[in-house]
Amino acid sequence: MEKQPIPNGTLVLVMGILSIIGCCCYGLPGLIFGIVAIVLAGKATKTYMLAPETYSGFGNVKAGKIMGIIGVVLSIAMVLFYVWMYTTIGLEAMQDPQLMELKMQELLGQ
């Protein structure tokens, strides 16, 4: 009997990659893609564990899950960074480079 590819194995890998890339876009796309990758990896793992001799490509699922977790962590860090920036220097300073430089110098005590 020929092994068939695990369902959603490639999709989990793609979502994991997109979660790492998406963390650079204010964090939210990376968070969404990472959560989807983790959930799909969980379902694919359950399917694989029921009949491991039937499926191939479980390495894609493991790699996608790991990248999804990394993407979620980086995205949360990015969201927290933007929340900190917004509360510390304000929206006006985030939009004006000169005002941001002035606020950052005030924060650093220079």
N, C-alpha and C. Protein backbone atom coordinates (compact mmCIF):
# COMPACT_ATOMS: atom_id res chain seq x y z
N MET A 1 0.84 -1.19 0.00
CA MET A 1 0.00 0.00 0.00
C MET A 1 0.88 1.25 0.00
N GLU A 2 0.53 2.16 -0.85
CA GLU A 2 1.32 3.39 -1.00
C GLU A 2 0.88 4.42 0.04
N LYS A 3 1.88 5.10 0.61
CA LYS A 3 1.56 6.13 1.60
C LYS A 3 1.02 7.36 0.90
N GLN A 4 0.04 7.98 1.54
CA GLN A 4 -0.53 9.22 1.00
C GLN A 4 -0.05 10.39 1.85
N PRO A 5 0.01 11.57 1.26
CA PRO A 5 0.45 12.74 2.05
C PRO A 5 -0.56 13.06 3.15
N ILE A 6 -0.04 13.48 4.27
CA ILE A 6 -0.92 13.80 5.39
C ILE A 6 -1.78 15.01 5.04
N PRO A 7 -3.06 14.98 5.37
CA PRO A 7 -3.94 16.11 5.05
C PRO A 7 -3.45 17.40 5.72
N ASN A 8 -3.43 18.46 4.97
CA ASN A 8 -3.03 19.80 5.43
C ASN A 8 -1.56 19.90 5.85
N GLY A 9 -0.74 18.95 5.51
CA GLY A 9 0.67 19.00 5.89
C GLY A 9 1.39 20.19 5.28
N THR A 10 1.19 20.40 3.99
CA THR A 10 1.82 21.53 3.31
C THR A 10 1.22 22.84 3.77
N LEU A 11 -0.09 22.85 4.03
CA LEU A 11 -0.77 24.06 4.50
C LEU A 11 -0.22 24.51 5.86
N VAL A 12 0.02 23.56 6.74
CA VAL A 12 0.59 23.89 8.05
C VAL A 12 1.97 24.52 7.88
N LEU A 13 2.77 23.96 6.98
CA LEU A 13 4.10 24.50 6.73
C LEU A 13 4.02 25.92 6.17
N VAL A 14 3.13 26.15 5.23
CA VAL A 14 2.97 27.49 4.63
C VAL A 14 2.48 28.48 5.68
N MET A 15 1.51 28.09 6.49
CA MET A 15 1.00 28.98 7.54
C MET A 15 2.09 29.31 8.56
N GLY A 16 2.93 28.33 8.88
CA GLY A 16 4.03 28.59 9.81
C GLY A 16 5.02 29.60 9.25
N ILE A 17 5.33 29.46 7.97
CA ILE A 17 6.24 30.42 7.32
C ILE A 17 5.61 31.81 7.29
N LEU A 18 4.32 31.88 6.94
CA LEU A 18 3.63 33.17 6.89
C LEU A 18 3.51 33.81 8.26
N SER A 19 3.44 33.00 9.32
CA SER A 19 3.36 33.58 10.66
C SER A 19 4.65 34.30 11.03
N ILE A 20 5.80 33.75 10.61
CA ILE A 20 7.07 34.41 10.90
C ILE A 20 7.21 35.68 10.07
N ILE A 21 6.81 35.61 8.81
CA ILE A 21 6.87 36.79 7.94
C ILE A 21 5.86 37.84 8.41
N GLY A 22 4.67 37.39 8.80
CA GLY A 22 3.60 38.31 9.19
C GLY A 22 3.83 39.03 10.50
N CYS A 23 4.76 38.56 11.31
CA CYS A 23 5.01 39.26 12.57
C CYS A 23 5.62 40.64 12.33
N CYS A 24 6.19 40.85 11.16
CA CYS A 24 6.77 42.15 10.83
C CYS A 24 5.71 43.18 10.42
N CYS A 25 4.51 42.74 10.17
CA CYS A 25 3.41 43.62 9.75
C CYS A 25 2.54 43.97 10.95
N TYR A 26 3.11 44.66 11.91
CA TYR A 26 2.45 45.07 13.14
C TYR A 26 2.03 43.90 14.02
N GLY A 27 2.41 42.69 13.68
CA GLY A 27 2.19 41.54 14.52
C GLY A 27 0.88 40.79 14.32
N LEU A 28 -0.17 41.45 13.90
CA LEU A 28 -1.48 40.80 13.82
C LEU A 28 -1.57 39.71 12.76
N PRO A 29 -1.10 39.91 11.53
CA PRO A 29 -1.17 38.80 10.56
C PRO A 29 -0.36 37.59 11.02
N GLY A 30 0.78 37.83 11.62
CA GLY A 30 1.59 36.72 12.12
C GLY A 30 0.90 35.95 13.22
N LEU A 31 0.18 36.67 14.06
CA LEU A 31 -0.57 36.03 15.13
C LEU A 31 -1.67 35.14 14.57
N ILE A 32 -2.38 35.64 13.58
CA ILE A 32 -3.47 34.87 12.96
C ILE A 32 -2.92 33.64 12.26
N PHE A 33 -1.91 33.82 11.41
CA PHE A 33 -1.33 32.69 10.68
C PHE A 33 -0.72 31.66 11.64
N GLY A 34 -0.10 32.13 12.70
CA GLY A 34 0.52 31.21 13.67
C GLY A 34 -0.50 30.37 14.40
N ILE A 35 -1.60 31.00 14.81
CA ILE A 35 -2.65 30.25 15.50
C ILE A 35 -3.28 29.22 14.56
N VAL A 36 -3.52 29.62 13.31
CA VAL A 36 -4.07 28.67 12.33
C VAL A 36 -3.10 27.50 12.12
N ALA A 37 -1.81 27.79 12.04
CA ALA A 37 -0.81 26.73 11.84
C ALA A 37 -0.80 25.76 13.02
N ILE A 38 -0.89 26.28 14.23
CA ILE A 38 -0.86 25.43 15.41
C ILE A 38 -2.11 24.55 15.49
N VAL A 39 -3.26 25.13 15.20
CA VAL A 39 -4.52 24.36 15.25
C VAL A 39 -4.52 23.27 14.19
N LEU A 40 -4.15 23.63 12.95
CA LEU A 40 -4.11 22.63 11.88
C LEU A 40 -3.07 21.55 12.15
N ALA A 41 -1.96 21.92 12.77
CA ALA A 41 -0.93 20.94 13.10
C ALA A 41 -1.45 19.97 14.15
N GLY A 42 -2.23 20.46 15.09
CA GLY A 42 -2.82 19.57 16.09
C GLY A 42 -3.75 18.55 15.47
N LYS A 43 -4.59 19.01 14.54
CA LYS A 43 -5.51 18.10 13.85
C LYS A 43 -4.75 17.09 12.99
N ALA A 44 -3.72 17.56 12.28
CA ALA A 44 -2.94 16.66 11.43
C ALA A 44 -2.16 15.65 12.28
N THR A 45 -1.69 16.06 13.44
CA THR A 45 -0.98 15.14 14.33
C THR A 45 -1.91 14.04 14.82
N LYS A 46 -3.13 14.42 15.19
CA LYS A 46 -4.10 13.41 15.63
C LYS A 46 -4.39 12.42 14.51
N THR A 47 -4.55 12.92 13.30
CA THR A 47 -4.80 12.04 12.15
C THR A 47 -3.62 11.11 11.92
N TYR A 48 -2.42 11.63 12.01
CA TYR A 48 -1.22 10.83 11.79
C TYR A 48 -1.06 9.76 12.86
N MET A 49 -1.35 10.11 14.10
CA MET A 49 -1.16 9.16 15.20
C MET A 49 -2.14 7.99 15.14
N LEU A 50 -3.27 8.18 14.49
CA LEU A 50 -4.22 7.08 14.35
C LEU A 50 -3.69 5.99 13.42
N ALA A 51 -2.98 6.39 12.38
CA ALA A 51 -2.44 5.42 11.42
C ALA A 51 -1.16 5.95 10.79
N PRO A 52 -0.04 5.91 11.53
CA PRO A 52 1.21 6.48 11.01
C PRO A 52 1.76 5.76 9.78
N GLU A 53 1.41 4.51 9.60
CA GLU A 53 1.91 3.77 8.44
C GLU A 53 1.20 4.18 7.15
N THR A 54 0.11 4.92 7.26
CA THR A 54 -0.69 5.31 6.10
C THR A 54 -0.21 6.63 5.48
N TYR A 55 0.37 7.50 6.31
CA TYR A 55 0.67 8.87 5.87
C TYR A 55 2.16 9.13 5.77
N SER A 56 2.50 10.03 4.87
CA SER A 56 3.87 10.52 4.75
C SER A 56 3.85 12.05 4.87
N GLY A 57 4.98 12.64 5.11
CA GLY A 57 5.07 14.10 5.17
C GLY A 57 4.79 14.68 6.54
N PHE A 58 4.98 13.88 7.59
CA PHE A 58 4.72 14.40 8.94
C PHE A 58 5.77 15.44 9.34
N GLY A 59 6.92 15.41 8.70
CA GLY A 59 7.96 16.41 8.99
C GLY A 59 7.49 17.82 8.66
N ASN A 60 6.69 17.97 7.62
CA ASN A 60 6.14 19.29 7.28
C ASN A 60 5.24 19.80 8.41
N VAL A 61 4.48 18.89 9.00
CA VAL A 61 3.57 19.28 10.08
C VAL A 61 4.38 19.73 11.29
N LYS A 62 5.41 18.97 11.65
CA LYS A 62 6.24 19.34 12.80
C LYS A 62 6.94 20.68 12.58
N ALA A 63 7.51 20.86 11.39
CA ALA A 63 8.21 22.11 11.08
C ALA A 63 7.23 23.29 11.07
N GLY A 64 6.06 23.09 10.49
CA GLY A 64 5.06 24.15 10.45
C GLY A 64 4.57 24.54 11.83
N LYS A 65 4.41 23.54 12.71
CA LYS A 65 3.97 23.83 14.08
C LYS A 65 5.03 24.63 14.83
N ILE A 66 6.29 24.23 14.67
CA ILE A 66 7.38 24.95 15.33
C ILE A 66 7.45 26.39 14.83
N MET A 67 7.35 26.57 13.51
CA MET A 67 7.38 27.93 12.97
C MET A 67 6.16 28.72 13.39
N GLY A 68 5.01 28.06 13.52
CA GLY A 68 3.81 28.73 14.00
C GLY A 68 3.98 29.23 15.41
N ILE A 69 4.58 28.42 16.27
CA ILE A 69 4.83 28.83 17.66
C ILE A 69 5.80 30.00 17.70
N ILE A 70 6.86 29.93 16.91
CA ILE A 70 7.82 31.03 16.85
C ILE A 70 7.14 32.29 16.33
N GLY A 71 6.31 32.15 15.30
CA GLY A 71 5.60 33.30 14.75
C GLY A 71 4.65 33.94 15.75
N VAL A 72 3.96 33.11 16.55
CA VAL A 72 3.05 33.64 17.57
C VAL A 72 3.83 34.41 18.63
N VAL A 73 4.94 33.85 19.07
CA VAL A 73 5.76 34.53 20.10
C VAL A 73 6.29 35.86 19.57
N LEU A 74 6.83 35.85 18.35
CA LEU A 74 7.34 37.10 17.76
C LEU A 74 6.22 38.11 17.54
N SER A 75 5.06 37.65 17.14
CA SER A 75 3.94 38.55 16.90
C SER A 75 3.44 39.18 18.20
N ILE A 76 3.38 38.38 19.25
CA ILE A 76 2.99 38.94 20.56
C ILE A 76 4.00 39.97 21.02
N ALA A 77 5.28 39.69 20.82
CA ALA A 77 6.32 40.66 21.19
C ALA A 77 6.17 41.95 20.38
N MET A 78 5.85 41.81 19.09
CA MET A 78 5.69 42.99 18.25
C MET A 78 4.45 43.81 18.67
N VAL A 79 3.36 43.13 18.96
CA VAL A 79 2.15 43.84 19.41
C VAL A 79 2.43 44.56 20.73
N LEU A 80 3.10 43.90 21.66
CA LEU A 80 3.44 44.54 22.93
C LEU A 80 4.36 45.74 22.72
N PHE A 81 5.29 45.61 21.78
CA PHE A 81 6.17 46.74 21.48
C PHE A 81 5.38 47.94 20.96
N TYR A 82 4.44 47.71 20.05
CA TYR A 82 3.65 48.82 19.51
C TYR A 82 2.73 49.41 20.57
N VAL A 83 2.19 48.60 21.46
CA VAL A 83 1.37 49.12 22.56
C VAL A 83 2.23 49.97 23.47
N TRP A 84 3.46 49.51 23.75
CA TRP A 84 4.37 50.29 24.59
C TRP A 84 4.70 51.63 23.92
N MET A 85 5.00 51.58 22.61
CA MET A 85 5.32 52.82 21.88
C MET A 85 4.13 53.79 21.93
N TYR A 86 2.93 53.27 21.73
CA TYR A 86 1.74 54.11 21.71
C TYR A 86 1.50 54.75 23.07
N THR A 87 1.67 53.98 24.14
CA THR A 87 1.41 54.53 25.47
C THR A 87 2.55 55.41 25.95
N THR A 88 3.77 55.17 25.49
CA THR A 88 4.91 55.95 25.97
C THR A 88 5.09 57.26 25.22
N ILE A 89 5.08 57.21 23.89
CA ILE A 89 5.36 58.43 23.14
C ILE A 89 4.15 58.97 22.38
N GLY A 90 3.10 58.19 22.27
CA GLY A 90 1.87 58.67 21.65
C GLY A 90 1.83 58.49 20.14
N LEU A 91 0.62 58.61 19.62
CA LEU A 91 0.39 58.39 18.20
C LEU A 91 0.99 59.50 17.35
N GLU A 92 0.94 60.74 17.83
CA GLU A 92 1.51 61.86 17.06
C GLU A 92 2.99 61.65 16.80
N ALA A 93 3.71 61.25 17.85
CA ALA A 93 5.16 61.05 17.71
C ALA A 93 5.48 59.85 16.83
N MET A 94 4.62 58.87 16.82
CA MET A 94 4.86 57.69 15.98
C MET A 94 4.71 58.03 14.50
N GLN A 95 3.96 59.09 14.20
CA GLN A 95 3.75 59.48 12.81
C GLN A 95 4.71 60.55 12.33
N ASP A 96 5.37 61.25 13.24
CA ASP A 96 6.29 62.33 12.89
C ASP A 96 7.70 61.95 13.34
N PRO A 97 8.62 61.71 12.40
CA PRO A 97 9.97 61.26 12.77
C PRO A 97 10.73 62.24 13.66
N GLN A 98 10.58 63.54 13.41
CA GLN A 98 11.30 64.52 14.22
C GLN A 98 10.78 64.53 15.66
N LEU A 99 9.47 64.47 15.80
CA LEU A 99 8.88 64.45 17.14
C LEU A 99 9.24 63.14 17.86
N MET A 100 9.31 62.05 17.12
CA MET A 100 9.69 60.77 17.72
C MET A 100 11.12 60.83 18.22
N GLU A 101 12.01 61.42 17.45
CA GLU A 101 13.40 61.55 17.87
C GLU A 101 13.48 62.38 19.15
N LEU A 102 12.72 63.46 19.22
CA LEU A 102 12.71 64.31 20.41
C LEU A 102 12.19 63.54 21.62
N LYS A 103 11.09 62.81 21.45
CA LYS A 103 10.52 62.03 22.55
C LYS A 103 11.48 60.93 23.01
N MET A 104 12.15 60.28 22.07
CA MET A 104 13.09 59.23 22.43
C MET A 104 14.29 59.80 23.19
N GLN A 105 14.73 61.00 22.81
CA GLN A 105 15.83 61.64 23.54
C GLN A 105 15.38 61.99 24.96
N GLU A 106 14.11 62.42 25.11
CA GLU A 106 13.58 62.70 26.43
C GLU A 106 13.54 61.42 27.28
N LEU A 107 13.14 60.32 26.66
CA LEU A 107 13.09 59.05 27.37
C LEU A 107 14.47 58.59 27.84
N LEU A 108 15.46 58.81 27.00
CA LEU A 108 16.82 58.38 27.33
C LEU A 108 17.53 59.36 28.24
N GLY A 109 16.92 60.53 28.48
CA GLY A 109 17.51 61.51 29.38
C GLY A 109 18.64 62.30 28.78
N GLN A 110 18.63 62.50 27.46
CA GLN A 110 19.72 63.23 26.81
C GLN A 110 19.31 64.66 26.57
